[in-house]
Amino acid sequence: ALQHLEQALGAARPDIGAGLQLAMVHARAGRKEQALKVAERVVAIDPKNPALLNFLANVKGSLGDKDGAIADFKKALEINPTLASAKPNIIAARVFHGDPLPMPMKLQNVRK
């Protein structure tokens, strides 16, 4: 199955869906560095796709690359400011890595 996904990603017309599946398979199997390489290949196919940037940011975050993850979440939001999943992902990346949240954000979350 991995070989078929790799072939689909490497085809003359790369299959982005196959690339996403391949990255997820590698990540679930604990091959996070390989997942990152595949995610980067997928983003290179369509670098202005905010969903793909969000995906790459999640992979980077799983590897402990907080700065890389936040940078990619921000790129995704610059392209599509309404991308619902990117905003909470930035917050989660900061909190997971021990960064304090600004006070207004804490109060805003309490009100919701």
C-alpha atoms as a PDB file:
ATOM      1  CA  ALA A   1       0.000   0.000   0.000  1.00  0.00           C
ATOM      2  CA  LEU A   2       2.833   2.398   0.826  1.00  0.00           C
ATOM      3  CA  GLN A   3       4.382   1.773  -2.574  1.00  0.00           C
ATOM      4  CA  HIS A   4       1.126   2.669  -4.340  1.00  0.00           C
ATOM      5  CA  LEU A   5       0.779   5.880  -2.334  1.00  0.00           C
ATOM      6  CA  GLU A   6       4.401   6.803  -3.054  1.00  0.00           C
ATOM      7  CA  GLN A   7       3.869   6.155  -6.773  1.00  0.00           C
ATOM      8  CA  ALA A   8       0.719   8.277  -6.813  1.00  0.00           C
ATOM      9  CA  LEU A   9       2.537  11.132  -5.096  1.00  0.00           C
ATOM     10  CA  GLY A  10       5.494  10.873  -7.463  1.00  0.00           C
ATOM     11  CA  ALA A  11       3.421  10.648 -10.647  1.00  0.00           C
ATOM     12  CA  ALA A  12       3.611  13.245 -13.412  1.00  0.00           C
ATOM     13  CA  ARG A  13       0.368  14.655 -11.947  1.00  0.00           C
ATOM     14  CA  PRO A  14       0.940  14.117  -8.213  1.00  0.00           C
ATOM     15  CA  ASP A  15      -1.983  12.914  -6.137  1.00  0.00           C
ATOM     16  CA  ILE A  16      -2.153  15.215  -3.121  1.00  0.00           C
ATOM     17  CA  GLY A  17      -4.628  12.925  -1.360  1.00  0.00           C
ATOM     18  CA  ALA A  18      -2.218  10.018  -1.688  1.00  0.00           C
ATOM     19  CA  GLY A  19       0.529  12.204  -0.256  1.00  0.00           C
ATOM     20  CA  LEU A  20      -1.588  13.145   2.752  1.00  0.00           C
ATOM     21  CA  GLN A  21      -2.436   9.478   3.345  1.00  0.00           C
ATOM     22  CA  LEU A  22       1.228   8.517   3.028  1.00  0.00           C
ATOM     23  CA  ALA A  23       2.289  11.183   5.542  1.00  0.00           C
ATOM     24  CA  MET A  24      -0.391  10.005   7.982  1.00  0.00           C
ATOM     25  CA  VAL A  25       0.674   6.371   7.635  1.00  0.00           C
ATOM     26  CA  HIS A  26       4.269   7.331   8.401  1.00  0.00           C
ATOM     27  CA  ALA A  27       3.204   9.484  11.364  1.00  0.00           C
ATOM     28  CA  ARG A  28       0.989   6.764  12.864  1.00  0.00           C
ATOM     29  CA  ALA A  29       3.821   4.248  12.478  1.00  0.00           C
ATOM     30  CA  GLY A  30       6.131   6.553  14.419  1.00  0.00           C
ATOM     31  CA  ARG A  31       8.147   7.572  11.365  1.00  0.00           C
ATOM     32  CA  LYS A  32       7.640  11.271  11.991  1.00  0.00           C
ATOM     33  CA  GLU A  33      10.706  12.463  10.070  1.00  0.00           C
ATOM     34  CA  GLN A  34       9.461  10.572   7.017  1.00  0.00           C
ATOM     35  CA  ALA A  35       5.986  12.036   7.574  1.00  0.00           C
ATOM     36  CA  LEU A  36       7.548  15.504   7.573  1.00  0.00           C
ATOM     37  CA  LYS A  37       9.393  14.867   4.307  1.00  0.00           C
ATOM     38  CA  VAL A  38       6.201  13.673   2.634  1.00  0.00           C
ATOM     39  CA  ALA A  39       4.166  16.592   4.032  1.00  0.00           C
ATOM     40  CA  GLU A  40       6.763  19.018   2.677  1.00  0.00           C
ATOM     41  CA  ARG A  41       6.527  17.344  -0.747  1.00  0.00           C
ATOM     42  CA  VAL A  42       2.753  17.686  -0.672  1.00  0.00           C
ATOM     43  CA  VAL A  43       2.926  21.381   0.222  1.00  0.00           C
ATOM     44  CA  ALA A  44       5.463  21.938  -2.567  1.00  0.00           C
ATOM     45  CA  ILE A  45       2.807  20.760  -5.043  1.00  0.00           C
ATOM     46  CA  ASP A  46       0.374  23.484  -3.928  1.00  0.00           C
ATOM     47  CA  PRO A  47       2.196  25.932  -1.611  1.00  0.00           C
ATOM     48  CA  LYS A  48      -0.724  28.380  -1.459  1.00  0.00           C
ATOM     49  CA  ASN A  49      -3.167  25.782  -0.121  1.00  0.00           C
ATOM     50  CA  PRO A  50      -3.974  26.736   3.490  1.00  0.00           C
ATOM     51  CA  ALA A  51      -5.265  23.263   4.395  1.00  0.00           C
ATOM     52  CA  LEU A  52      -1.978  21.705   3.281  1.00  0.00           C
ATOM     53  CA  LEU A  53       0.011  24.299   5.226  1.00  0.00           C
ATOM     54  CA  ASN A  54      -2.134  23.540   8.276  1.00  0.00           C
ATOM     55  CA  PHE A  55      -1.396  19.830   7.806  1.00  0.00           C
ATOM     56  CA  LEU A  56       2.354  20.496   7.524  1.00  0.00           C
ATOM     57  CA  ALA A  57       2.218  22.642  10.651  1.00  0.00           C
ATOM     58  CA  ASN A  58       0.601  19.790  12.569  1.00  0.00           C
ATOM     59  CA  VAL A  59       3.344  17.411  11.454  1.00  0.00           C
ATOM     60  CA  LYS A  60       6.019  19.912  12.492  1.00  0.00           C
ATOM     61  CA  GLY A  61       4.303  20.360  15.835  1.00  0.00           C
ATOM     62  CA  SER A  62       4.293  16.605  16.414  1.00  0.00           C
ATOM     63  CA  LEU A  63       8.079  16.686  15.931  1.00  0.00           C
ATOM     64  CA  GLY A  64       8.469  19.451  18.499  1.00  0.00           C
ATOM     65  CA  ASP A  65       9.176  22.178  15.942  1.00  0.00           C
ATOM     66  CA  LYS A  66       6.989  24.784  17.632  1.00  0.00           C
ATOM     67  CA  ASP A  67       8.374  27.719  15.667  1.00  0.00           C
ATOM     68  CA  GLY A  68       7.984  25.926  12.336  1.00  0.00           C
ATOM     69  CA  ALA A  69       4.455  24.851  13.221  1.00  0.00           C
ATOM     70  CA  ILE A  70       3.373  28.336  14.255  1.00  0.00           C
ATOM     71  CA  ALA A  71       4.961  29.853  11.128  1.00  0.00           C
ATOM     72  CA  ASP A  72       3.021  27.462   8.886  1.00  0.00           C
ATOM     73  CA  PHE A  73      -0.241  28.013  10.800  1.00  0.00           C
ATOM     74  CA  LYS A  74       0.278  31.759  10.285  1.00  0.00           C
ATOM     75  CA  LYS A  75       0.961  31.263   6.555  1.00  0.00           C
ATOM     76  CA  ALA A  76      -2.279  29.307   6.291  1.00  0.00           C
ATOM     77  CA  LEU A  77      -4.175  32.115   8.012  1.00  0.00           C
ATOM     78  CA  GLU A  78      -2.586  34.762   5.786  1.00  0.00           C
ATOM     79  CA  ILE A  79      -3.927  32.902   2.760  1.00  0.00           C
ATOM     80  CA  ASN A  80      -7.303  32.164   4.317  1.00  0.00           C
ATOM     81  CA  PRO A  81      -8.066  34.194   7.466  1.00  0.00           C
ATOM     82  CA  THR A  82     -11.236  32.166   8.051  1.00  0.00           C
ATOM     83  CA  LEU A  83      -9.460  28.795   8.207  1.00  0.00           C
ATOM     84  CA  ALA A  84     -11.119  27.520  11.352  1.00  0.00           C
ATOM     85  CA  SER A  85      -8.563  24.880  12.282  1.00  0.00           C
ATOM     86  CA  ALA A  86      -5.429  27.071  12.100  1.00  0.00           C
ATOM     87  CA  LYS A  87      -6.276  29.514  14.908  1.00  0.00           C
ATOM     88  CA  PRO A  88      -6.785  26.926  17.661  1.00  0.00           C
ATOM     89  CA  ASN A  89      -3.755  25.027  16.365  1.00  0.00           C
ATOM     90  CA  ILE A  90      -1.532  28.074  16.929  1.00  0.00           C
ATOM     91  CA  ILE A  91      -2.843  28.361  20.475  1.00  0.00           C
ATOM     92  CA  ALA A  92      -2.401  24.642  21.107  1.00  0.00           C
ATOM     93  CA  ALA A  93       1.176  24.730  19.777  1.00  0.00           C
ATOM     94  CA  ARG A  94       2.036  27.605  22.097  1.00  0.00           C
ATOM     95  CA  VAL A  95       0.401  26.044  25.156  1.00  0.00           C
ATOM     96  CA  PHE A  96       1.849  22.582  24.491  1.00  0.00           C
ATOM     97  CA  HIS A  97       5.330  24.061  24.426  1.00  0.00           C
ATOM     98  CA  GLY A  98       4.821  26.054  27.620  1.00  0.00           C
ATOM     99  CA  ASP A  99       4.247  29.530  26.235  1.00  0.00           C
ATOM    100  CA  PRO A 100       1.827  31.545  28.344  1.00  0.00           C
ATOM    101  CA  LEU A 101      -1.309  32.827  26.680  1.00  0.00           C
ATOM    102  CA  PRO A 102      -1.915  36.571  26.715  1.00  0.00           C
ATOM    103  CA  MET A 103      -4.381  37.580  29.441  1.00  0.00           C
ATOM    104  CA  PRO A 104      -7.135  38.799  27.029  1.00  0.00           C
ATOM    105  CA  MET A 105      -7.107  35.409  25.316  1.00  0.00           C
ATOM    106  CA  LYS A 106      -7.497  33.620  28.658  1.00  0.00           C
ATOM    107  CA  LEU A 107     -10.427  35.833  29.631  1.00  0.00           C
ATOM    108  CA  GLN A 108     -12.038  35.459  26.226  1.00  0.00           C
ATOM    109  CA  ASN A 109     -11.913  31.662  26.523  1.00  0.00           C
ATOM    110  CA  VAL A 110     -13.490  31.791  29.987  1.00  0.00           C
ATOM    111  CA  ARG A 111     -16.411  33.818  28.652  1.00  0.00           C
ATOM    112  CA  LYS A 112     -17.208  31.266  25.933  1.00  0.00           C
END
